[in-house]
All heavy atoms as atom14 arrays in JSON, in Angstrom:
{
  "sequence": "QCLRGREDSVSRIILTASGGPFRGKSPEFLRGATPEQALAHPNWRM",
  "atom14_mask": [
    [1, 1, 1, 1, 1, 1, 1, 1, 1, 0, 0, 0, 0, 0],
    [1, 1, 1, 1, 1, 1, 0, 0, 0, 0, 0, 0, 0, 0],
    [1, 1, 1, 1, 1, 1, 1, 1, 0, 0, 0, 0, 0, 0],
    [1, 1, 1, 1, 1, 1, 1, 1, 1, 1, 1, 0, 0, 0],
    [1, 1, 1, 1, 0, 0, 0, 0, 0, 0, 0, 0, 0, 0],
    [1, 1, 1, 1, 1, 1, 1, 1, 1, 1, 1, 0, 0, 0],
    [1, 1, 1, 1, 1, 1, 1, 1, 1, 0, 0, 0, 0, 0],
    [1, 1, 1, 1, 1, 1, 1, 1, 0, 0, 0, 0, 0, 0],
    [1, 1, 1, 1, 1, 1, 0, 0, 0, 0, 0, 0, 0, 0],
    [1, 1, 1, 1, 1, 1, 1, 0, 0, 0, 0, 0, 0, 0],
    [1, 1, 1, 1, 1, 1, 0, 0, 0, 0, 0, 0, 0, 0],
    [1, 1, 1, 1, 1, 1, 1, 1, 1, 1, 1, 0, 0, 0],
    [1, 1, 1, 1, 1, 1, 1, 1, 0, 0, 0, 0, 0, 0],
    [1, 1, 1, 1, 1, 1, 1, 1, 0, 0, 0, 0, 0, 0],
    [1, 1, 1, 1, 1, 1, 1, 1, 0, 0, 0, 0, 0, 0],
    [1, 1, 1, 1, 1, 1, 1, 0, 0, 0, 0, 0, 0, 0],
    [1, 1, 1, 1, 1, 0, 0, 0, 0, 0, 0, 0, 0, 0],
    [1, 1, 1, 1, 1, 1, 0, 0, 0, 0, 0, 0, 0, 0],
    [1, 1, 1, 1, 0, 0, 0, 0, 0, 0, 0, 0, 0, 0],
    [1, 1, 1, 1, 0, 0, 0, 0, 0, 0, 0, 0, 0, 0],
    [1, 1, 1, 1, 1, 1, 1, 0, 0, 0, 0, 0, 0, 0],
    [1, 1, 1, 1, 1, 1, 1, 1, 1, 1, 1, 0, 0, 0],
    [1, 1, 1, 1, 1, 1, 1, 1, 1, 1, 1, 0, 0, 0],
    [1, 1, 1, 1, 0, 0, 0, 0, 0, 0, 0, 0, 0, 0],
    [1, 1, 1, 1, 1, 1, 1, 1, 1, 0, 0, 0, 0, 0],
    [1, 1, 1, 1, 1, 1, 0, 0, 0, 0, 0, 0, 0, 0],
    [1, 1, 1, 1, 1, 1, 1, 0, 0, 0, 0, 0, 0, 0],
    [1, 1, 1, 1, 1, 1, 1, 1, 1, 0, 0, 0, 0, 0],
    [1, 1, 1, 1, 1, 1, 1, 1, 1, 1, 1, 0, 0, 0],
    [1, 1, 1, 1, 1, 1, 1, 1, 0, 0, 0, 0, 0, 0],
    [1, 1, 1, 1, 1, 1, 1, 1, 1, 1, 1, 0, 0, 0],
    [1, 1, 1, 1, 0, 0, 0, 0, 0, 0, 0, 0, 0, 0],
    [1, 1, 1, 1, 1, 0, 0, 0, 0, 0, 0, 0, 0, 0],
    [1, 1, 1, 1, 1, 1, 1, 0, 0, 0, 0, 0, 0, 0],
    [1, 1, 1, 1, 1, 1, 1, 0, 0, 0, 0, 0, 0, 0],
    [1, 1, 1, 1, 1, 1, 1, 1, 1, 0, 0, 0, 0, 0],
    [1, 1, 1, 1, 1, 1, 1, 1, 1, 0, 0, 0, 0, 0],
    [1, 1, 1, 1, 1, 0, 0, 0, 0, 0, 0, 0, 0, 0],
    [1, 1, 1, 1, 1, 1, 1, 1, 0, 0, 0, 0, 0, 0],
    [1, 1, 1, 1, 1, 0, 0, 0, 0, 0, 0, 0, 0, 0],
    [1, 1, 1, 1, 1, 1, 1, 1, 1, 1, 0, 0, 0, 0],
    [1, 1, 1, 1, 1, 1, 1, 0, 0, 0, 0, 0, 0, 0],
    [1, 1, 1, 1, 1, 1, 1, 1, 0, 0, 0, 0, 0, 0],
    [1, 1, 1, 1, 1, 1, 1, 1, 1, 1, 1, 1, 1, 1],
    [1, 1, 1, 1, 1, 1, 1, 1, 1, 1, 1, 0, 0, 0],
    [1, 1, 1, 1, 1, 1, 1, 1, 0, 0, 0, 0, 0, 0]
  ],
  "atom14_positions": [
    [[-51.51, -25.38, -29.93], [-52.93, -25.09, -30.24], [-53.12, -24.14, -31.35], [-53.97, -24.22, -32.21], [-53.7, -24.62, -28.98], [-53.85, -25.7, -27.95], [-54.84, -25.23, -26.88], [-55.92, -24.75, -27.13], [-54.36, -25.35, -25.59], [0.0, 0.0, 0.0], [0.0, 0.0, 0.0], [0.0, 0.0, 0.0], [0.0, 0.0, 0.0], [0.0, 0.0, 0.0]],
    [[-52.18, -23.15, -31.43], [-52.23, -22.15, -32.51], [-51.75, -22.69, -33.93], [-52.24, -22.15, -34.95], [-51.42, -20.91, -32.17], [-52.07, -19.92, -30.82], [0.0, 0.0, 0.0], [0.0, 0.0, 0.0], [0.0, 0.0, 0.0], [0.0, 0.0, 0.0], [0.0, 0.0, 0.0], [0.0, 0.0, 0.0], [0.0, 0.0, 0.0], [0.0, 0.0, 0.0]],
    [[-50.93, -23.63, -33.86], [-50.4, -24.13, -35.17], [-51.39, -24.86, -35.94], [-51.73, -24.46, -37.04], [-49.17, -25.03, -34.92], [-47.84, -24.34, -34.42], [-46.77, -25.29, -34.1], [-47.37, -23.34, -35.54], [0.0, 0.0, 0.0], [0.0, 0.0, 0.0], [0.0, 0.0, 0.0], [0.0, 0.0, 0.0], [0.0, 0.0, 0.0], [0.0, 0.0, 0.0]],
    [[-51.9, -26.0, -35.48], [-52.99, -26.77, -36.1], [-52.89, -26.83, -37.59], [-53.72, -26.36, -38.35], [-54.27, -26.25, -35.65], [-54.61, -26.26, -34.21], [-54.55, -27.69, -33.69], [-55.59, -28.46, -34.23], [-56.84, -28.56, -33.63], [-57.03, -27.91, -32.47], [-57.71, -29.35, -34.18], [0.0, 0.0, 0.0], [0.0, 0.0, 0.0], [0.0, 0.0, 0.0]],
    [[-51.8, -27.45, -38.07], [-51.71, -27.63, -39.56], [-51.06, -26.53, -40.29], [-51.0, -26.66, -41.52], [0.0, 0.0, 0.0], [0.0, 0.0, 0.0], [0.0, 0.0, 0.0], [0.0, 0.0, 0.0], [0.0, 0.0, 0.0], [0.0, 0.0, 0.0], [0.0, 0.0, 0.0], [0.0, 0.0, 0.0], [0.0, 0.0, 0.0], [0.0, 0.0, 0.0]],
    [[-50.61, -25.51, -39.66], [-50.03, -24.37, -40.27], [-48.51, -24.27, -40.02], [-47.92, -23.16, -40.07], [-50.71, -23.0, -39.92], [-52.22, -23.0, -40.3], [-52.8, -21.68, -39.92], [-52.25, -20.56, -40.72], [-52.59, -19.35, -40.46], [-53.45, -18.99, -39.49], [-52.05, -18.36, -41.26], [0.0, 0.0, 0.0], [0.0, 0.0, 0.0], [0.0, 0.0, 0.0]],
    [[-47.88, -25.38, -39.68], [-46.46, -25.4, -39.26], [-45.55, -24.83, -40.34], [-44.57, -24.17, -40.03], [-46.05, -26.83, -38.97], [-46.67, -27.39, -37.74], [-47.94, -28.07, -38.04], [-48.48, -28.0, -39.22], [-48.56, -28.7, -37.16], [0.0, 0.0, 0.0], [0.0, 0.0, 0.0], [0.0, 0.0, 0.0], [0.0, 0.0, 0.0], [0.0, 0.0, 0.0]],
    [[-45.85, -25.02, -41.67], [-45.03, -24.52, -42.74], [-45.14, -23.01, -42.94], [-44.4, -22.46, -43.78], [-45.34, -25.28, -44.04], [-44.99, -26.72, -43.9], [-44.08, -27.09, -43.13], [-45.57, -27.58, -44.72], [0.0, 0.0, 0.0], [0.0, 0.0, 0.0], [0.0, 0.0, 0.0], [0.0, 0.0, 0.0], [0.0, 0.0, 0.0], [0.0, 0.0, 0.0]],
    [[-46.1, -22.36, -42.29], [-46.35, -21.0, -42.5], [-45.86, -20.07, -41.41], [-46.12, -18.89, -41.39], [-47.86, -20.69, -42.71], [-48.31, -21.47, -43.79], [0.0, 0.0, 0.0], [0.0, 0.0, 0.0], [0.0, 0.0, 0.0], [0.0, 0.0, 0.0], [0.0, 0.0, 0.0], [0.0, 0.0, 0.0], [0.0, 0.0, 0.0], [0.0, 0.0, 0.0]],
    [[-45.06, -20.72, -40.47], [-44.7, -19.88, -39.27], [-43.56, -18.98, -39.55], [-42.5, -19.41, -40.07], [-44.35, -20.84, -38.14], [-43.82, -20.14, -36.95], [-45.56, -21.71, -37.71], [0.0, 0.0, 0.0], [0.0, 0.0, 0.0], [0.0, 0.0, 0.0], [0.0, 0.0, 0.0], [0.0, 0.0, 0.0], [0.0, 0.0, 0.0], [0.0, 0.0, 0.0]],
    [[-43.66, -17.7, -39.19], [-42.56, -16.78, -39.24], [-41.74, -16.84, -37.9], [-40.51, -16.82, -38.02], [-43.12, -15.41, -39.54], [-42.02, -14.49, -39.45], [0.0, 0.0, 0.0], [0.0, 0.0, 0.0], [0.0, 0.0, 0.0], [0.0, 0.0, 0.0], [0.0, 0.0, 0.0], [0.0, 0.0, 0.0], [0.0, 0.0, 0.0], [0.0, 0.0, 0.0]],
    [[-42.45, -16.75, -36.82], [-41.77, -16.79, -35.55], [-42.8, -17.22, -34.47], [-44.04, -17.1, -34.74], [-41.19, -15.46, -35.18], [-42.1, -14.34, -35.02], [-41.51, -13.06, -34.54], [-42.48, -11.93, -34.55], [-42.54, -11.02, -33.61], [-41.6, -10.94, -32.62], [-43.45, -10.06, -33.7], [0.0, 0.0, 0.0], [0.0, 0.0, 0.0], [0.0, 0.0, 0.0]],
    [[-42.33, -17.63, -33.3], [-43.2, -17.81, -32.21], [-42.88, -16.91, -31.07], [-41.69, -16.5, -30.94], [-43.17, -19.34, -31.72], [-41.75, -19.74, -31.29], [-43.71, -20.26, -32.78], [-41.72, -21.19, -30.81], [0.0, 0.0, 0.0], [0.0, 0.0, 0.0], [0.0, 0.0, 0.0], [0.0, 0.0, 0.0], [0.0, 0.0, 0.0], [0.0, 0.0, 0.0]],
    [[-43.81, -16.53, -30.29], [-43.56, -15.6, -29.18], [-44.04, -16.18, -27.87], [-45.2, -16.48, -27.7], [-44.36, -14.27, -29.48], [-43.95, -13.68, -30.8], [-44.13, -13.28, -28.3], [-44.88, -12.53, -31.22], [0.0, 0.0, 0.0], [0.0, 0.0, 0.0], [0.0, 0.0, 0.0], [0.0, 0.0, 0.0], [0.0, 0.0, 0.0], [0.0, 0.0, 0.0]],
    [[-43.09, -16.43, -27.01], [-43.36, -16.97, -25.68], [-43.64, -15.83, -24.79], [-42.9, -14.83, -24.71], [-42.18, -17.73, -25.16], [-41.6, -18.92, -25.95], [-40.33, -19.48, -25.36], [-42.71, -20.02, -26.04], [0.0, 0.0, 0.0], [0.0, 0.0, 0.0], [0.0, 0.0, 0.0], [0.0, 0.0, 0.0], [0.0, 0.0, 0.0], [0.0, 0.0, 0.0]],
    [[-44.75, -15.94, -24.06], [-45.06, -14.86, -23.06], [-44.55, -15.25, -21.67], [-44.38, -16.4, -21.36], [-46.5, -14.6, -22.95], [-47.22, -15.82, -22.71], [-47.1, -14.01, -24.29], [0.0, 0.0, 0.0], [0.0, 0.0, 0.0], [0.0, 0.0, 0.0], [0.0, 0.0, 0.0], [0.0, 0.0, 0.0], [0.0, 0.0, 0.0], [0.0, 0.0, 0.0]],
    [[-44.16, -14.17, -20.92], [-43.59, -14.4, -19.58], [-44.29, -13.44, -18.67], [-44.56, -12.28, -19.04], [-42.09, -14.12, -19.59], [0.0, 0.0, 0.0], [0.0, 0.0, 0.0], [0.0, 0.0, 0.0], [0.0, 0.0, 0.0], [0.0, 0.0, 0.0], [0.0, 0.0, 0.0], [0.0, 0.0, 0.0], [0.0, 0.0, 0.0], [0.0, 0.0, 0.0]],
    [[-44.64, -13.83, -17.44], [-45.26, -12.94, -16.49], [-44.33, -11.81, -16.09], [-44.78, -10.79, -15.62], [-45.76, -13.75, -15.27], [-44.65, -14.18, -14.53], [0.0, 0.0, 0.0], [0.0, 0.0, 0.0], [0.0, 0.0, 0.0], [0.0, 0.0, 0.0], [0.0, 0.0, 0.0], [0.0, 0.0, 0.0], [0.0, 0.0, 0.0], [0.0, 0.0, 0.0]],
    [[-43.04, -12.12, -16.1], [-42.06, -11.1, -15.5], [-41.7, -11.55, -14.13], [-40.79, -10.97, -13.52], [0.0, 0.0, 0.0], [0.0, 0.0, 0.0], [0.0, 0.0, 0.0], [0.0, 0.0, 0.0], [0.0, 0.0, 0.0], [0.0, 0.0, 0.0], [0.0, 0.0, 0.0], [0.0, 0.0, 0.0], [0.0, 0.0, 0.0], [0.0, 0.0, 0.0]],
    [[-42.48, -12.44, -13.51], [-42.24, -12.92, -12.18], [-42.41, -11.78, -11.11], [-42.9, -10.77, -11.38], [0.0, 0.0, 0.0], [0.0, 0.0, 0.0], [0.0, 0.0, 0.0], [0.0, 0.0, 0.0], [0.0, 0.0, 0.0], [0.0, 0.0, 0.0], [0.0, 0.0, 0.0], [0.0, 0.0, 0.0], [0.0, 0.0, 0.0], [0.0, 0.0, 0.0]],
    [[-41.9, -12.07, -9.89], [-42.1, -11.13, -8.75], [-41.17, -9.94, -8.87], [-41.38, -9.0, -8.11], [-41.81, -11.96, -7.56], [-40.82, -13.01, -8.03], [-41.2, -13.32, -9.47], [0.0, 0.0, 0.0], [0.0, 0.0, 0.0], [0.0, 0.0, 0.0], [0.0, 0.0, 0.0], [0.0, 0.0, 0.0], [0.0, 0.0, 0.0], [0.0, 0.0, 0.0]],
    [[-40.16, -9.98, -9.79], [-39.16, -8.92, -9.71], [-39.19, -8.03, -11.04], [-38.26, -7.28, -11.28], [-37.77, -9.51, -9.57], [-37.59, -10.21, -8.31], [-36.63, -11.19, -8.16], [-38.29, -9.85, -7.19], [-36.47, -11.92, -7.01], [-38.11, -10.49, -5.95], [-37.25, -11.57, -5.84], [0.0, 0.0, 0.0], [0.0, 0.0, 0.0], [0.0, 0.0, 0.0]],
    [[-40.31, -8.04, -11.72], [-40.43, -7.18, -12.95], [-40.4, -5.76, -12.51], [-41.1, -5.28, -11.55], [-41.75, -7.5, -13.63], [-42.0, -6.71, -14.87], [-43.29, -7.09, -15.54], [-44.42, -6.69, -14.82], [-45.08, -5.5, -15.01], [-44.6, -4.63, -15.86], [-46.13, -5.2, -14.21], [0.0, 0.0, 0.0], [0.0, 0.0, 0.0], [0.0, 0.0, 0.0]],
    [[-39.53, -5.01, -13.12], [-39.34, -3.55, -12.89], [-38.51, -3.2, -11.66], [-38.37, -2.04, -11.3], [0.0, 0.0, 0.0], [0.0, 0.0, 0.0], [0.0, 0.0, 0.0], [0.0, 0.0, 0.0], [0.0, 0.0, 0.0], [0.0, 0.0, 0.0], [0.0, 0.0, 0.0], [0.0, 0.0, 0.0], [0.0, 0.0, 0.0], [0.0, 0.0, 0.0]],
    [[-37.93, -4.21, -10.95], [-37.18, -3.89, -9.83], [-35.84, -3.43, -10.2], [-35.35, -3.59, -11.34], [-36.95, -5.14, -8.96], [-38.33, -5.64, -8.46], [-39.02, -4.76, -7.45], [-40.3, -5.36, -6.85], [-40.96, -4.46, -5.94], [0.0, 0.0, 0.0], [0.0, 0.0, 0.0], [0.0, 0.0, 0.0], [0.0, 0.0, 0.0], [0.0, 0.0, 0.0]],
    [[-35.09, -2.75, -9.29], [-33.81, -2.16, -9.6], [-32.72, -3.19, -9.37], [-32.87, -4.2, -8.69], [-33.54, -1.04, -8.63], [-33.42, -1.42, -7.28], [0.0, 0.0, 0.0], [0.0, 0.0, 0.0], [0.0, 0.0, 0.0], [0.0, 0.0, 0.0], [0.0, 0.0, 0.0], [0.0, 0.0, 0.0], [0.0, 0.0, 0.0], [0.0, 0.0, 0.0]],
    [[-31.51, -3.05, -9.92], [-30.33, -3.93, -9.72], [-30.06, -3.99, -8.18], [-29.69, -5.08, -7.71], [-29.21, -3.29, -10.49], [-29.87, -2.5, -11.51], [-31.16, -1.95, -10.98], [0.0, 0.0, 0.0], [0.0, 0.0, 0.0], [0.0, 0.0, 0.0], [0.0, 0.0, 0.0], [0.0, 0.0, 0.0], [0.0, 0.0, 0.0], [0.0, 0.0, 0.0]],
    [[-30.12, -2.91, -7.49], [-29.89, -2.95, -6.04], [-30.86, -3.88, -5.28], [-30.53, -4.64, -4.39], [-29.94, -1.5, -5.47], [-28.88, -0.56, -6.01], [-29.1, -0.09, -7.36], [-30.23, -0.13, -7.89], [-28.17, 0.35, -8.03], [0.0, 0.0, 0.0], [0.0, 0.0, 0.0], [0.0, 0.0, 0.0], [0.0, 0.0, 0.0], [0.0, 0.0, 0.0]],
    [[-32.14, -3.79, -5.7], [-33.15, -4.67, -5.03], [-32.77, -6.12, -5.31], [-32.92, -6.96, -4.42], [-34.52, -4.31, -5.59], [-35.6, -5.2, -5.03], [-36.28, -4.8, -3.84], [-35.91, -6.43, -5.58], [-37.31, -5.54, -3.34], [-36.93, -7.15, -5.07], [-37.6, -6.79, -3.9], [0.0, 0.0, 0.0], [0.0, 0.0, 0.0], [0.0, 0.0, 0.0]],
    [[-32.43, -6.39, -6.56], [-32.2, -7.8, -6.91], [-30.96, -8.35, -6.09], [-31.01, -9.51, -5.76], [-31.97, -7.96, -8.44], [-33.18, -7.68, -9.3], [-32.83, -7.92, -10.79], [-34.41, -8.52, -8.88], [0.0, 0.0, 0.0], [0.0, 0.0, 0.0], [0.0, 0.0, 0.0], [0.0, 0.0, 0.0], [0.0, 0.0, 0.0], [0.0, 0.0, 0.0]],
    [[-30.04, -7.52, -5.91], [-28.83, -8.1, -5.17], [-29.15, -8.43, -3.75], [-28.58, -9.36, -3.17], [-27.78, -6.93, -5.15], [-26.95, -6.85, -6.51], [-25.69, -6.09, -6.36], [-26.05, -4.66, -6.18], [-26.11, -3.8, -7.29], [-26.01, -4.27, -8.5], [-26.39, -2.51, -7.14], [0.0, 0.0, 0.0], [0.0, 0.0, 0.0], [0.0, 0.0, 0.0]],
    [[-30.21, -7.83, -3.15], [-30.58, -8.13, -1.82], [-31.89, -8.99, -1.68], [-32.4, -9.16, -0.6], [0.0, 0.0, 0.0], [0.0, 0.0, 0.0], [0.0, 0.0, 0.0], [0.0, 0.0, 0.0], [0.0, 0.0, 0.0], [0.0, 0.0, 0.0], [0.0, 0.0, 0.0], [0.0, 0.0, 0.0], [0.0, 0.0, 0.0], [0.0, 0.0, 0.0]],
    [[-32.44, -9.44, -2.87], [-33.66, -10.17, -2.85], [-33.55, -11.49, -2.04], [-32.51, -12.18, -2.11], [-34.1, -10.47, -4.25], [0.0, 0.0, 0.0], [0.0, 0.0, 0.0], [0.0, 0.0, 0.0], [0.0, 0.0, 0.0], [0.0, 0.0, 0.0], [0.0, 0.0, 0.0], [0.0, 0.0, 0.0], [0.0, 0.0, 0.0], [0.0, 0.0, 0.0]],
    [[-34.58, -11.79, -1.28], [-34.57, -12.96, -0.41], [-35.32, -14.13, -1.12], [-36.14, -13.92, -1.97], [-35.3, -12.6, 0.93], [-36.7, -12.43, 0.62], [-34.7, -11.49, 1.59], [0.0, 0.0, 0.0], [0.0, 0.0, 0.0], [0.0, 0.0, 0.0], [0.0, 0.0, 0.0], [0.0, 0.0, 0.0], [0.0, 0.0, 0.0], [0.0, 0.0, 0.0]],
    [[-35.1, -15.38, -0.57], [-35.85, -16.49, -1.15], [-37.38, -16.27, -1.0], [-38.13, -16.61, -1.91], [-35.34, -17.67, -0.35], [-33.94, -17.28, 0.01], [-33.97, -15.83, 0.26], [0.0, 0.0, 0.0], [0.0, 0.0, 0.0], [0.0, 0.0, 0.0], [0.0, 0.0, 0.0], [0.0, 0.0, 0.0], [0.0, 0.0, 0.0], [0.0, 0.0, 0.0]],
    [[-37.79, -15.71, 0.11], [-39.24, -15.49, 0.3], [-39.85, -14.61, -0.78], [-40.93, -14.83, -1.26], [-39.48, -14.97, 1.72], [-39.2, -15.95, 2.82], [-37.74, -16.16, 3.07], [-36.86, -15.34, 2.72], [-37.4, -17.18, 3.7], [0.0, 0.0, 0.0], [0.0, 0.0, 0.0], [0.0, 0.0, 0.0], [0.0, 0.0, 0.0], [0.0, 0.0, 0.0]],
    [[-39.1, -13.55, -1.1], [-39.57, -12.61, -2.12], [-39.59, -13.3, -3.52], [-40.47, -13.04, -4.31], [-38.69, -11.41, -2.12], [-38.82, -10.5, -0.89], [-37.69, -9.4, -0.81], [-36.56, -9.65, -1.25], [-38.1, -8.22, -0.39], [0.0, 0.0, 0.0], [0.0, 0.0, 0.0], [0.0, 0.0, 0.0], [0.0, 0.0, 0.0], [0.0, 0.0, 0.0]],
    [[-38.55, -14.1, -3.75], [-38.48, -14.73, -5.07], [-39.46, -15.79, -5.32], [-39.91, -16.06, -6.38], [-36.99, -15.25, -5.26], [0.0, 0.0, 0.0], [0.0, 0.0, 0.0], [0.0, 0.0, 0.0], [0.0, 0.0, 0.0], [0.0, 0.0, 0.0], [0.0, 0.0, 0.0], [0.0, 0.0, 0.0], [0.0, 0.0, 0.0], [0.0, 0.0, 0.0]],
    [[-39.89, -16.36, -4.23], [-40.88, -17.46, -4.3], [-42.37, -16.95, -4.45], [-43.19, -17.68, -4.79], [-40.87, -18.36, -3.05], [-39.65, -19.27, -2.92], [-39.56, -19.87, -1.54], [-39.67, -20.43, -4.03], [0.0, 0.0, 0.0], [0.0, 0.0, 0.0], [0.0, 0.0, 0.0], [0.0, 0.0, 0.0], [0.0, 0.0, 0.0], [0.0, 0.0, 0.0]],
    [[-42.5, -15.66, -4.23], [-43.85, -15.08, -4.24], [-44.28, -14.71, -5.66], [-44.34, -13.44, -6.07], [-43.94, -13.88, -3.28], [0.0, 0.0, 0.0], [0.0, 0.0, 0.0], [0.0, 0.0, 0.0], [0.0, 0.0, 0.0], [0.0, 0.0, 0.0], [0.0, 0.0, 0.0], [0.0, 0.0, 0.0], [0.0, 0.0, 0.0], [0.0, 0.0, 0.0]],
    [[-44.56, -15.68, -6.48], [-45.0, -15.38, -7.89], [-46.36, -14.68, -7.85], [-47.29, -15.1, -7.07], [-45.04, -16.69, -8.7], [-45.05, -16.4, -10.14], [-46.2, -16.01, -10.79], [-44.15, -16.49, -11.08], [-45.98, -15.92, -12.06], [-44.69, -16.22, -12.32], [0.0, 0.0, 0.0], [0.0, 0.0, 0.0], [0.0, 0.0, 0.0], [0.0, 0.0, 0.0]],
    [[-46.58, -13.65, -8.67], [-47.82, -12.9, -8.67], [-49.05, -13.67, -9.26], [-50.13, -13.35, -8.98], [-47.46, -11.65, -9.48], [-46.37, -12.09, -10.36], [-45.56, -13.05, -9.63], [0.0, 0.0, 0.0], [0.0, 0.0, 0.0], [0.0, 0.0, 0.0], [0.0, 0.0, 0.0], [0.0, 0.0, 0.0], [0.0, 0.0, 0.0], [0.0, 0.0, 0.0]],
    [[-48.82, -14.62, -10.16], [-49.93, -15.2, -10.95], [-50.07, -16.7, -10.79], [-51.12, -17.27, -10.79], [-49.76, -14.87, -12.41], [-49.8, -13.4, -12.7], [-50.35, -12.62, -11.9], [-49.27, -12.99, -13.78], [0.0, 0.0, 0.0], [0.0, 0.0, 0.0], [0.0, 0.0, 0.0], [0.0, 0.0, 0.0], [0.0, 0.0, 0.0], [0.0, 0.0, 0.0]],
    [[-48.97, -17.43, -10.67], [-48.93, -18.9, -10.74], [-48.56, -19.45, -9.37], [-47.76, -18.83, -8.66], [-47.96, -19.42, -11.78], [-48.32, -19.09, -13.19], [-47.8, -17.99, -13.82], [-49.18, -19.77, -14.03], [-48.31, -18.02, -15.15], [-49.17, -19.09, -15.31], [-49.93, -20.94, -13.97], [-49.88, -19.48, -16.39], [-50.63, -21.37, -15.11], [-50.61, -20.63, -16.26]],
    [[-49.17, -20.61, -8.98], [-48.76, -21.34, -7.78], [-47.88, -22.51, -8.21], [-48.43, -23.52, -8.73], [-49.93, -21.78, -6.99], [-50.74, -20.48, -6.43], [-49.91, -19.68, -5.5], [-50.61, -18.42, -5.12], [-50.35, -17.19, -5.69], [-49.35, -17.19, -6.61], [-51.01, -16.15, -5.34], [0.0, 0.0, 0.0], [0.0, 0.0, 0.0], [0.0, 0.0, 0.0]],
    [[-46.61, -22.45, -7.94], [-45.73, -23.46, -8.48], [-44.78, -23.95, -7.32], [-44.7, -23.35, -6.3], [-44.9, -22.95, -9.64], [-45.75, -22.36, -10.71], [-44.73, -21.56, -12.07], [-44.06, -20.17, -11.21], [0.0, 0.0, 0.0], [0.0, 0.0, 0.0], [0.0, 0.0, 0.0], [0.0, 0.0, 0.0], [0.0, 0.0, 0.0], [0.0, 0.0, 0.0]]
  ]
}
């Protein structure tokens, strides 16, 4: 939607990411993360 005829003028594209349920968590937390915790996305229902 943002391009709309300006494809030749693009410097870069930036994909946004929510960070998911584990944004800011520690390595120790991630090693013990459960499927239930990983499935609990904060913004999207997928």
